[in-house]
Amino acid sequence: MSSTLTGGCGTTHPGALGALGAIRFRLIDHSANGTFVVFDGSPDEVQLLRGETLLHGSGRISLGRSGSDPLATTIIFRRDQRALYRV
């Protein structure tokens, strides 16, 4: 699914979130300022600049700014383990 996200400072952030199979999601950045991802349990922040990453576990996505920036728009994601057992 393609999307354009609007940040709190009025900027738009083109990107996509695509489903891969039943339980995997890929985050694709098409923006000029990048997307920043921090996975829970990891101290490192991943910067995507016109790139992509596979989302796993849980964490935070920041649009156009580092997650440490107080003005960053943050999206929290988590993998619901119960979904693995649904029929």
Protein backbone atom coordinates (compact mmCIF):
# COMPACT_ATOMS: atom_id res chain seq x y z
CA MET A 1 0.00 0.00 0.00
CA SER A 2 1.39 3.39 -0.94
CA SER A 3 0.81 6.34 1.31
CA THR A 4 1.63 9.95 1.85
CA LEU A 5 1.94 10.81 5.52
CA THR A 6 1.48 14.34 6.78
CA GLY A 7 3.80 15.39 9.58
CA GLY A 8 3.01 17.71 12.45
CA CYS A 9 4.95 20.54 10.84
CA GLY A 10 2.79 20.40 7.69
CA THR A 11 5.24 18.47 5.53
CA THR A 12 4.27 15.42 3.53
CA HIS A 13 6.28 12.24 3.56
CA PRO A 14 5.90 9.89 0.58
CA GLY A 15 6.45 6.25 1.39
CA ALA A 16 4.98 2.80 1.24
CA LEU A 17 4.23 -0.01 3.59
CA GLY A 18 3.91 -3.31 1.79
CA ALA A 19 2.73 -6.66 3.08
CA LEU A 20 4.97 -9.60 2.25
CA GLY A 21 3.07 -12.79 2.82
CA ALA A 22 0.87 -13.05 5.89
CA ILE A 23 3.10 -11.62 8.62
CA ARG A 24 5.98 -9.56 7.18
CA PHE A 25 5.96 -5.86 6.34
CA ARG A 26 8.46 -3.85 4.33
CA LEU A 27 8.90 -0.10 4.88
CA ILE A 28 10.00 1.79 1.76
CA ASP A 29 11.18 5.41 1.86
CA HIS A 30 10.71 7.64 -1.19
CA SER A 31 11.25 10.95 0.59
CA ALA A 32 13.98 13.56 0.37
CA ASN A 33 14.52 13.74 4.15
CA GLY A 34 14.50 10.05 5.00
CA THR A 35 12.74 7.81 7.48
CA PHE A 36 14.30 6.72 10.76
CA VAL A 37 13.53 3.38 12.43
CA VAL A 38 14.48 2.16 15.91
CA PHE A 39 13.70 -1.45 16.76
CA ASP A 40 12.97 -2.18 20.43
CA GLY A 41 15.97 -3.78 22.08
CA SER A 42 18.46 -2.11 19.73
CA PRO A 43 20.30 1.12 20.57
CA ASP A 44 20.93 1.87 16.89
CA GLU A 45 18.70 4.00 14.68
CA VAL A 46 18.37 2.90 11.05
CA GLN A 47 18.13 5.74 8.51
CA LEU A 48 16.38 4.99 5.25
CA LEU A 49 17.03 7.44 2.44
CA ARG A 50 15.23 6.20 -0.64
CA GLY A 51 15.70 2.69 0.69
CA GLU A 52 13.76 -0.03 2.45
CA THR A 53 13.83 -2.29 5.49
CA LEU A 54 11.87 -5.25 6.77
CA LEU A 55 9.89 -4.39 9.91
CA HIS A 56 10.20 -7.01 12.63
CA GLY A 57 9.29 -7.10 16.30
CA SER A 58 8.33 -3.66 17.52
CA GLY A 59 9.76 -0.16 17.50
CA ARG A 60 9.35 3.42 16.36
CA ILE A 61 9.32 5.06 12.92
CA SER A 62 10.16 8.78 12.64
CA LEU A 63 9.37 10.74 9.50
CA GLY A 64 11.97 13.13 8.13
CA ARG A 65 13.77 13.60 11.45
CA SER A 66 15.74 11.45 13.85
CA GLY A 67 13.66 9.88 16.60
CA SER A 68 15.77 11.80 19.13
CA ASP A 69 14.49 15.12 17.69
CA PRO A 70 11.65 16.43 19.90
CA LEU A 71 9.83 17.72 16.78
CA ALA A 72 9.81 14.31 15.08
CA THR A 73 6.50 12.69 14.10
CA THR A 74 6.69 9.18 15.55
CA ILE A 75 4.76 6.05 14.61
CA ILE A 76 4.89 3.11 17.02
CA PHE A 77 4.63 -0.39 15.56
CA ARG A 78 4.55 -3.82 17.13
CA ARG A 79 4.08 -7.35 15.96
CA ASP A 80 1.10 -9.07 17.52
CA GLN A 81 2.25 -12.62 18.21
CA ARG A 82 -1.37 -13.79 18.42
CA ALA A 83 -1.70 -13.16 14.67
CA LEU A 84 0.70 -16.02 14.01
CA TYR A 85 -1.86 -18.56 15.20
CA ARG A 86 -5.04 -17.30 13.52
CA VAL A 87 -6.68 -19.44 10.89
